[in-house]
Structures are given as structure tokens and as C-alpha cells.
C-alpha atoms as a PDB file:
ATOM      1  CA  MET A   1     119.506 115.824  97.489  1.00  0.00           C
ATOM      2  CA  ASP A   2     122.710 113.767  97.435  1.00  0.00           C
ATOM      3  CA  ALA A   3     121.051 110.400  98.036  1.00  0.00           C
ATOM      4  CA  SER A   4     119.208 107.613  96.315  1.00  0.00           C
ATOM      5  CA  LEU A   5     115.447 107.634  96.303  1.00  0.00           C
ATOM      6  CA  LYS A   6     114.388 105.390  99.176  1.00  0.00           C
ATOM      7  CA  ILE A   7     111.166 103.434  98.722  1.00  0.00           C
ATOM      8  CA  ILE A   8     109.099 101.255 101.064  1.00  0.00           C
ATOM      9  CA  VAL A   9     106.783  98.711  99.435  1.00  0.00           C
ATOM     10  CA  VAL A  10     103.827  97.858 101.705  1.00  0.00           C
ATOM     11  CA  GLU A  11     102.349  94.671 100.234  1.00  0.00           C
ATOM     12  CA  ASP A  12     101.044  91.580 102.021  1.00  0.00           C
ATOM     13  CA  HIS A  13     101.487  89.234  99.034  1.00  0.00           C
ATOM     14  CA  ASP A  14     104.985  87.848  99.697  1.00  0.00           C
ATOM     15  CA  ASP A  15     105.963  86.960  96.125  1.00  0.00           C
ATOM     16  CA  LEU A  16     104.697  90.241  94.673  1.00  0.00           C
ATOM     17  CA  ARG A  17     106.414  92.276  97.408  1.00  0.00           C
ATOM     18  CA  GLU A  18     109.754  90.527  96.941  1.00  0.00           C
ATOM     19  CA  MET A  19     109.538  90.763  93.145  1.00  0.00           C
ATOM     20  CA  THR A  20     108.740  94.490  93.300  1.00  0.00           C
ATOM     21  CA  VAL A  21     111.551  95.253  95.745  1.00  0.00           C
ATOM     22  CA  GLU A  22     114.065  93.302  93.674  1.00  0.00           C
ATOM     23  CA  ALA A  23     112.978  95.049  90.467  1.00  0.00           C
ATOM     24  CA  LEU A  24     113.250  98.481  92.107  1.00  0.00           C
ATOM     25  CA  CYS A  25     116.755  97.689  93.400  1.00  0.00           C
ATOM     26  CA  ASN A  26     117.741  96.598  89.887  1.00  0.00           C
ATOM     27  CA  LEU A  27     116.590 100.044  88.713  1.00  0.00           C
ATOM     28  CA  ASN A  28     119.019 101.663  91.204  1.00  0.00           C
ATOM     29  CA  TYR A  29     116.437 102.619  93.807  1.00  0.00           C
ATOM     30  CA  VAL A  30     116.940 101.691  97.463  1.00  0.00           C
ATOM     31  CA  ALA A  31     113.862  99.682  98.393  1.00  0.00           C
ATOM     32  CA  ARG A  32     112.550  97.690 101.330  1.00  0.00           C
ATOM     33  CA  GLY A  33     109.389  95.640 101.614  1.00  0.00           C
ATOM     34  CA  ILE A  34     107.056  95.089 104.553  1.00  0.00           C
ATOM     35  CA  ALA A  35     103.930  92.955 104.794  1.00  0.00           C
ATOM     36  CA  CYS A  36     101.631  95.117 106.916  1.00  0.00           C
ATOM     37  CA  ALA A  37     101.009  98.636 108.165  1.00  0.00           C
ATOM     38  CA  GLU A  38     101.957  97.693 111.715  1.00  0.00           C
ATOM     39  CA  LEU A  39     105.612  97.480 110.659  1.00  0.00           C
ATOM     40  CA  LEU A  40     105.642 100.827 108.858  1.00  0.00           C
ATOM     41  CA  ASP A  41     106.367 103.240 111.724  1.00  0.00           C
ATOM     42  CA  GLN A  42     109.363 101.247 112.971  1.00  0.00           C
ATOM     43  CA  THR A  43     110.625 100.786 109.413  1.00  0.00           C
ATOM     44  CA  LEU A  44     110.448 104.543 108.795  1.00  0.00           C
ATOM     45  CA  GLN A  45     112.566 105.164 111.895  1.00  0.00           C
ATOM     46  CA  ASP A  46     115.298 102.858 110.583  1.00  0.00           C
ATOM     47  CA  PHE A  47     114.823 103.668 106.910  1.00  0.00           C
ATOM     48  CA  PRO A  48     113.554 107.222 106.301  1.00  0.00           C
ATOM     49  CA  ALA A  49     111.939 106.672 102.921  1.00  0.00           C
ATOM     50  CA  HIS A  50     110.983 109.319 100.396  1.00  0.00           C
ATOM     51  CA  LEU A  51     108.171 107.311  98.833  1.00  0.00           C
ATOM     52  CA  LEU A  52     105.641 104.590  99.676  1.00  0.00           C
ATOM     53  CA  ILE A  53     104.204 102.062  97.252  1.00  0.00           C
ATOM     54  CA  LEU A  54     101.082 101.066  99.104  1.00  0.00           C
ATOM     55  CA  ASP A  55      98.605  98.232  98.649  1.00  0.00           C
ATOM     56  CA  LEU A  56      95.091  98.975  99.898  1.00  0.00           C
ATOM     57  CA  ASN A  57      93.946  95.488 100.925  1.00  0.00           C
ATOM     58  CA  LEU A  58      96.273  95.003 103.880  1.00  0.00           C
ATOM     59  CA  PRO A  59      95.743  92.944 107.048  1.00  0.00           C
ATOM     60  CA  GLY A  60      95.032  95.148 110.054  1.00  0.00           C
ATOM     61  CA  GLU A  61      95.168  98.829 109.125  1.00  0.00           C
ATOM     62  CA  ASP A  62      94.236  99.182 105.456  1.00  0.00           C
ATOM     63  CA  GLY A  63      96.033 101.251 102.849  1.00  0.00           C
ATOM     64  CA  ILE A  64      93.534 104.112 102.841  1.00  0.00           C
ATOM     65  CA  SER A  65      94.004 104.628 106.572  1.00  0.00           C
ATOM     66  CA  VAL A  66      97.794 104.378 106.220  1.00  0.00           C
ATOM     67  CA  SER A  67      97.848 106.963 103.435  1.00  0.00           C
ATOM     68  CA  ASN A  68      95.663 109.373 105.379  1.00  0.00           C
ATOM     69  CA  ARG A  69      97.847 109.036 108.467  1.00  0.00           C
ATOM     70  CA  ILE A  70     101.169 109.310 106.649  1.00  0.00           C
ATOM     71  CA  ARG A  71     100.022 112.311 104.654  1.00  0.00           C
ATOM     72  CA  LYS A  72      99.359 114.136 107.940  1.00  0.00           C
ATOM     73  CA  THR A  73     102.598 113.113 109.666  1.00  0.00           C
ATOM     74  CA  CYS A  74     104.915 113.146 106.614  1.00  0.00           C
ATOM     75  CA  PRO A  75     103.372 115.670 104.212  1.00  0.00           C
ATOM     76  CA  ASP A  76     106.361 115.618 101.830  1.00  0.00           C
ATOM     77  CA  MET A  77     106.370 111.857 101.325  1.00  0.00           C
ATOM     78  CA  GLY A  78     105.370 110.522  97.920  1.00  0.00           C
ATOM     79  CA  ILE A  79     102.543 107.961  98.014  1.00  0.00           C
ATOM     80  CA  ILE A  80     101.753 105.600  95.149  1.00  0.00           C
ATOM     81  CA  MET A  81      98.707 103.414  95.707  1.00  0.00           C
ATOM     82  CA  MET A  82      98.872 100.164  93.721  1.00  0.00           C
ATOM     83  CA  THR A  83      95.793  97.999  94.054  1.00  0.00           C
ATOM     84  CA  VAL A  84      93.264  95.790  92.286  1.00  0.00           C
ATOM     85  CA  ARG A  85      90.501  98.262  93.149  1.00  0.00           C
ATOM     86  CA  GLU A  86      89.693 100.064  89.912  1.00  0.00           C
ATOM     87  CA  GLN A  87      86.303 101.699  90.455  1.00  0.00           C
ATOM     88  CA  ILE A  88      86.033 105.484  90.199  1.00  0.00           C
ATOM     89  CA  GLN A  89      84.948 105.791  93.829  1.00  0.00           C
ATOM     90  CA  ASP A  90      88.041 103.838  94.905  1.00  0.00           C
ATOM     91  CA  ARG A  91      90.309 106.211  92.979  1.00  0.00           C
ATOM     92  CA  VAL A  92      88.555 109.240  94.445  1.00  0.00           C
ATOM     93  CA  GLU A  93      88.884 107.849  97.968  1.00  0.00           C
ATOM     94  CA  GLY A  94      92.575 107.178  97.350  1.00  0.00           C
ATOM     95  CA  TYR A  95      93.322 110.710  96.181  1.00  0.00           C
ATOM     96  CA  VAL A  96      91.206 112.276  98.930  1.00  0.00           C
ATOM     97  CA  ASN A  97      93.206 110.318 101.504  1.00  0.00           C
ATOM     98  CA  GLY A  98      96.634 111.392 100.321  1.00  0.00           C
ATOM     99  CA  ALA A  99      97.672 109.423  97.246  1.00  0.00           C
ATOM    100  CA  ASP A 100      99.854 111.213  94.701  1.00  0.00           C
ATOM    101  CA  ILE A 101      99.402 108.442  92.128  1.00  0.00           C
ATOM    102  CA  TYR A 102      96.773 105.697  91.944  1.00  0.00           C
ATOM    103  CA  MET A 103      97.715 102.612  89.896  1.00  0.00           C
ATOM    104  CA  THR A 104      95.756  99.424  89.323  1.00  0.00           C
ATOM    105  CA  LYS A 105      97.278  95.957  89.376  1.00  0.00           C
ATOM    106  CA  PRO A 106      98.794  94.333  87.507  1.00  0.00           C
ATOM    107  CA  ALA A 107     101.203  97.181  86.747  1.00  0.00           C
ATOM    108  CA  SER A 108     104.413  96.681  84.793  1.00  0.00           C
ATOM    109  CA  ILE A 109     107.742  97.584  86.378  1.00  0.00           C
ATOM    110  CA  LYS A 110     108.451  99.801  83.379  1.00  0.00           C
ATOM    111  CA  GLU A 111     105.298 101.811  84.047  1.00  0.00           C
ATOM    112  CA  LEU A 112     106.045 101.957  87.769  1.00  0.00           C
ATOM    113  CA  ASP A 113     109.554 103.238  87.054  1.00  0.00           C
ATOM    114  CA  VAL A 114     108.178 106.033  84.852  1.00  0.00           C
ATOM    115  CA  VAL A 115     105.631 106.967  87.532  1.00  0.00           C
ATOM    116  CA  ILE A 116     108.343 107.078  90.212  1.00  0.00           C
ATOM    117  CA  GLN A 117     110.560 109.242  88.016  1.00  0.00           C
ATOM    118  CA  SER A 118     107.690 111.636  87.331  1.00  0.00           C
ATOM    119  CA  LEU A 119     106.727 111.865  90.997  1.00  0.00           C
ATOM    120  CA  SER A 120     110.347 112.319  92.063  1.00  0.00           C
ATOM    121  CA  ARG A 121     110.721 115.297  89.718  1.00  0.00           C
ATOM    122  CA  ARG A 122     107.578 116.896  91.076  1.00  0.00           C
ATOM    123  CA  LEU A 123     108.680 116.325  94.674  1.00  0.00           C
ATOM    124  CA  ASN A 124     112.214 117.517  93.855  1.00  0.00           C
ATOM    125  CA  PHE A 125     113.897 114.193  94.604  1.00  0.00           C
ATOM    126  CA  GLN A 126     117.047 113.068  92.826  1.00  0.00           C
ATOM    127  CA  THR A 127     117.628 109.412  92.094  1.00  0.00           C
ATOM    128  CA  LYS A 128     121.358 109.048  91.533  1.00  0.00           C
ATOM    129  CA  PRO A 129     123.095 106.176  93.332  1.00  0.00           C
ATOM    130  CA  GLU A 130     124.227 106.755  96.902  1.00  0.00           C
ATOM    131  CA  ASN A 131     128.001 106.288  96.961  1.00  0.00           C
ATOM    132  CA  VAL A 132     128.628 107.411 100.525  1.00  0.00           C
ATOM    133  CA  PHE A 133     131.579 105.041 101.024  1.00  0.00           C
ATOM    134  CA  LEU A 134     133.404 105.607  97.747  1.00  0.00           C
ATOM    135  CA  GLN A 135     135.587 108.662  98.063  1.00  0.00           C
ATOM    136  CA  GLY A 136     139.288 107.977  98.479  1.00  0.00           C
ATOM    137  CA  SER A 137     138.898 104.344  99.493  1.00  0.00           C
ATOM    138  CA  SER A 138     140.907 101.338  98.350  1.00  0.00           C
ATOM    139  CA  SER A 139     139.226  97.933  98.100  1.00  0.00           C
ATOM    140  CA  LYS A 140     140.637  96.930 101.503  1.00  0.00           C
ATOM    141  CA  GLU A 141     139.426 100.182 103.058  1.00  0.00           C
ATOM    142  CA  LYS A 142     135.966  99.643 101.600  1.00  0.00           C
ATOM    143  CA  VAL A 143     135.789  96.140 103.059  1.00  0.00           C
ATOM    144  CA  GLU A 144     136.907  97.452 106.463  1.00  0.00           C
ATOM    145  CA  LYS A 145     134.263 100.182 106.253  1.00  0.00           C
ATOM    146  CA  LEU A 146     131.680  97.560 105.324  1.00  0.00           C
ATOM    147  CA  HIS A 147     132.630  95.503 108.390  1.00  0.00           C
ATOM    148  CA  ALA A 148     132.311  98.591 110.609  1.00  0.00           C
ATOM    149  CA  TYR A 149     128.988  99.483 108.986  1.00  0.00           C
ATOM    150  CA  ILE A 150     127.508  96.016 109.553  1.00  0.00           C
ATOM    151  CA  THR A 151     128.630  95.856 113.170  1.00  0.00           C
ATOM    152  CA  GLY A 152     127.072  99.272 113.729  1.00  0.00           C
ATOM    153  CA  THR A 153     123.597  98.175 112.635  1.00  0.00           C
ATOM    154  CA  LYS A 154     122.876  96.277 115.885  1.00  0.00           C
ATOM    155  CA  GLY A 155     122.532  93.085 113.865  1.00  0.00           C
ATOM    156  CA  LYS A 156     119.825  94.199 111.453  1.00  0.00           C
ATOM    157  CA  LEU A 157     120.269  92.679 108.002  1.00  0.00           C
ATOM    158  CA  PRO A 158     121.044  95.245 105.292  1.00  0.00           C
ATOM    159  CA  ASN A 159     119.971  94.651 101.694  1.00  0.00           C
ATOM    160  CA  LEU A 160     123.074  93.248  99.992  1.00  0.00           C
ATOM    161  CA  HIS A 161     122.298  94.848  96.636  1.00  0.00           C
ATOM    162  CA  ASP A 162     121.992  98.219  98.401  1.00  0.00           C
ATOM    163  CA  LEU A 163     125.384  97.672 100.022  1.00  0.00           C
ATOM    164  CA  ALA A 164     127.036  96.891  96.699  1.00  0.00           C
ATOM    165  CA  LYS A 165     125.639 100.106  95.217  1.00  0.00           C
ATOM    166  CA  GLN A 166     126.780 102.149  98.203  1.00  0.00           C
ATOM    167  CA  PHE A 167     130.301 100.754  97.989  1.00  0.00           C
ATOM    168  CA  GLY A 168     130.478 101.090  94.213  1.00  0.00           C
ATOM    169  CA  ILE A 169     131.530  97.459  93.675  1.00  0.00           C
ATOM    170  CA  SER A 170     129.621  94.537  92.217  1.00  0.00           C
ATOM    171  CA  LEU A 171     128.050  92.339  94.877  1.00  0.00           C
ATOM    172  CA  ARG A 172     130.156  89.358  93.801  1.00  0.00           C
ATOM    173  CA  THR A 173     133.420  91.318  94.036  1.00  0.00           C
ATOM    174  CA  LEU A 174     132.474  92.884  97.356  1.00  0.00           C
ATOM    175  CA  ASN A 175     131.570  89.480  98.761  1.00  0.00           C
ATOM    176  CA  ASP A 176     134.831  87.930  97.524  1.00  0.00           C
ATOM    177  CA  LEU A 177     136.877  90.738  99.116  1.00  0.00           C
ATOM    178  CA  PHE A 178     134.962  90.448 102.388  1.00  0.00           C
ATOM    179  CA  THR A 179     135.393  86.659 102.484  1.00  0.00           C
ATOM    180  CA  ALA A 180     139.136  86.948 101.859  1.00  0.00           C
ATOM    181  CA  GLU A 181     139.480  89.463 104.707  1.00  0.00           C
ATOM    182  CA  TYR A 182     137.135  87.940 107.328  1.00  0.00           C
ATOM    183  CA  GLY A 183     136.801  84.273 106.348  1.00  0.00           C
ATOM    184  CA  GLN A 184     133.033  84.420 105.839  1.00  0.00           C
ATOM    185  CA  SER A 185     130.678  85.661 103.185  1.00  0.00           C
ATOM    186  CA  ILE A 186     128.783  88.872 103.943  1.00  0.00           C
ATOM    187  CA  SER A 187     125.540  86.945 104.446  1.00  0.00           C
ATOM    188  CA  ALA A 188     127.150  84.395 106.789  1.00  0.00           C
ATOM    189  CA  PHE A 189     128.844  87.141 108.797  1.00  0.00           C
ATOM    190  CA  ILE A 190     125.615  89.131 109.142  1.00  0.00           C
ATOM    191  CA  ASN A 191     123.677  85.999 110.110  1.00  0.00           C
ATOM    192  CA  ASP A 192     126.158  85.126 112.872  1.00  0.00           C
ATOM    193  CA  TYR A 193     126.389  88.716 114.034  1.00  0.00           C
ATOM    194  CA  ARG A 194     122.667  89.341 114.321  1.00  0.00           C
ATOM    195  CA  LEU A 195     122.077  86.010 116.096  1.00  0.00           C
ATOM    196  CA  SER A 196     124.777  86.918 118.612  1.00  0.00           C
ATOM    197  CA  ALA A 197     123.055  90.298 119.045  1.00  0.00           C
ATOM    198  CA  ALA A 198     119.760  88.472 119.598  1.00  0.00           C
ATOM    199  CA  HIS A 199     121.328  86.179 122.202  1.00  0.00           C
ATOM    200  CA  GLU A 200     122.635  89.182 124.139  1.00  0.00           C
ATOM    201  CA  ALA A 201     119.283  91.004 123.902  1.00  0.00           C
ATOM    202  CA  LEU A 202     117.374  87.984 125.193  1.00  0.00           C
ATOM    203  CA  GLU A 203     119.776  87.585 128.105  1.00  0.00           C
ATOM    204  CA  HIS A 204     119.668  91.224 129.189  1.00  0.00           C
ATOM    205  CA  SER A 205     116.222  92.527 128.266  1.00  0.00           C
ATOM    206  CA  ASP A 206     112.575  91.511 128.194  1.00  0.00           C
ATOM    207  CA  ILE A 207     112.055  92.501 124.548  1.00  0.00           C
ATOM    208  CA  PRO A 208     109.233  90.438 122.967  1.00  0.00           C
ATOM    209  CA  MET A 209     110.506  87.699 120.665  1.00  0.00           C
ATOM    210  CA  LYS A 210     108.444  88.918 117.707  1.00  0.00           C
ATOM    211  CA  GLN A 211     109.711  92.482 118.084  1.00  0.00           C
ATOM    212  CA  LEU A 212     113.319  91.317 118.309  1.00  0.00           C
ATOM    213  CA  ALA A 213     112.965  89.180 115.182  1.00  0.00           C
ATOM    214  CA  SER A 214     111.512  92.127 113.268  1.00  0.00           C
ATOM    215  CA  GLU A 215     114.198  94.546 114.458  1.00  0.00           C
ATOM    216  CA  LEU A 216     116.899  92.137 113.306  1.00  0.00           C
ATOM    217  CA  GLY A 217     115.386  91.874 109.838  1.00  0.00           C
ATOM    218  CA  TYR A 218     113.637  88.481 109.993  1.00  0.00           C
ATOM    219  CA  SER A 219     110.408  88.349 107.987  1.00  0.00           C
ATOM    220  CA  HIS A 220     108.777  86.022 110.545  1.00  0.00           C
ATOM    221  CA  VAL A 221     109.530  85.128 114.141  1.00  0.00           C
ATOM    222  CA  ASN A 222     109.598  81.402 113.234  1.00  0.00           C
ATOM    223  CA  HIS A 223     112.475  82.060 110.827  1.00  0.00           C
ATOM    224  CA  PHE A 224     114.371  83.713 113.671  1.00  0.00           C
ATOM    225  CA  ILE A 225     113.699  80.824 116.069  1.00  0.00           C
ATOM    226  CA  THR A 226     114.863  78.250 113.500  1.00  0.00           C
ATOM    227  CA  ALA A 227     118.086  80.164 112.751  1.00  0.00           C
ATOM    228  CA  PHE A 228     118.758  80.671 116.478  1.00  0.00           C
ATOM    229  CA  LYS A 229     118.355  76.951 117.232  1.00  0.00           C
ATOM    230  CA  ARG A 230     120.621  76.054 114.322  1.00  0.00           C
ATOM    231  CA  LYS A 231     123.407  78.283 115.660  1.00  0.00           C
ATOM    232  CA  PHE A 232     123.153  77.686 119.413  1.00  0.00           C
ATOM    233  CA  SER A 233     121.518  74.217 119.542  1.00  0.00           C
ATOM    234  CA  TYR A 234     118.757  75.468 121.833  1.00  0.00           C
ATOM    235  CA  SER A 235     115.728  77.675 121.335  1.00  0.00           C
ATOM    236  CA  PRO A 236     115.687  81.390 122.223  1.00  0.00           C
ATOM    237  CA  GLY A 237     112.928  80.618 124.711  1.00  0.00           C
ATOM    238  CA  HIS A 238     115.501  78.682 126.746  1.00  0.00           C
ATOM    239  CA  LEU A 239     117.147  81.970 127.715  1.00  0.00           C
ATOM    240  CA  ARG A 240     113.847  83.304 128.984  1.00  0.00           C
ATOM    241  CA  LYS A 241     113.279  80.234 131.094  1.00  0.00           C
ATOM    242  CA  THR A 242     116.632  80.623 132.775  1.00  0.00           C
END
């Protein structure tokens, strides 16, 4: 498979989720994190992952139920359960409900990396970096392709480390080139672009505020509302009232 191994981390502890995702990206995986099972189906539509790293003690639908459901709908997906539950009956329940690997917390990133590599070999995944934008492109062409890529995402925030890997340039260099060409950093451009996309969506649809915030990559609807007010000087709810 000519692609990076894509991983979704389902973990409700914010610091642990962010730390795990960052560590996986540093190991050249393409990883995203979500805080609950309710976000998983939509995330899989936008980000067709090869592997889940799944906590069991989740709000709403728990990890055992998620694993059982995903194993039925996506039988080829790798599932690593990573949890504080360490009793034999917990392990048995995990494997019965679809886990490929059952790990107890705290687990080191080094151990997790080895487990992912082992599982990827068994599932016939390859984990080389995804350089889909590299061939035959100058630095200017890459930056133009990056601009086109961002504006084609409907405002959803890509992971900047993932972008740097895809374009085969360090994040700092890519950001400097983008800023020189478009007068804004990548993050600033994406922030303005997705807020403009949100403004248009609120004006022309009845999409729920929470759903819109999630689709645009905000971790919480309050973060979206704050950013929107900072840019437009009025709340997104103002558009609904008018």
C-alpha cells in the first residue's frame, strides 16, 4: 500500500490523547485524536484509518462496544485497546470483542511503536511516509498545491506535521514559503479560511453549531465560538437570529 499508516486515537483524557498523537506523528505515522466514540464514524469518513488505539473507559459508548461494532463494519481494521483495566476477564472481553492487541496503561511510546509495527506486518500495512505531493514539484509549486489542498478541505484544519511530511519539507520551511507567497502563516490562513467557511454555512444552512465546529476541526464548540467572535466581532448565534 503506497500510503502512511493512518491511526485514530480514541481517548477522553485530553493531555494523554494529544501526547500520544504527537508522539505517533513524530514516528512518521499519520494520527488523529478524538475524545469520544460519538465522533468516530464522522472521523472515519474524513480520515479512513487503518488502525484504532482505543481506550475502554470512554464517555457515552465504551471501548468494548466500539471495538465490537468496528470489527463487524471494518473487519480489516487493526484495533489496539490501551486501558488501565488489567484483570484477566477484561483482557478476555477485549479480545472476544475484536481487539488485536490489548495493552495496559501506562504504556511507553517505544512499546506502542513496536506493537504497531508488528500489527501492521500481520495486517499487510506499509508505513512509509506519504509523499503524494512530491513528484516533479518545485518549492513554489508545492506551496501552490498546499494552498489548493487547504481550500479544498471545506475549512477543516489539517494536522500541520502531516502536511509537512506529505510535502517532503520541514514544517518551518513550508510555513516560511507559504507566508512569503500568501502573506500569512499556514495556521493563520487556515484559521481565517475555516471561519469564513463557518460564516457561510451558518448563513445558508441550519447545521447545528456543535456539528459545524466538529467538522471544521475545533475540539470544542466554545473554542469555535470564541474564534468566530474574535474574527467577526459578533457571535455565530447572531447569524441564526437574523
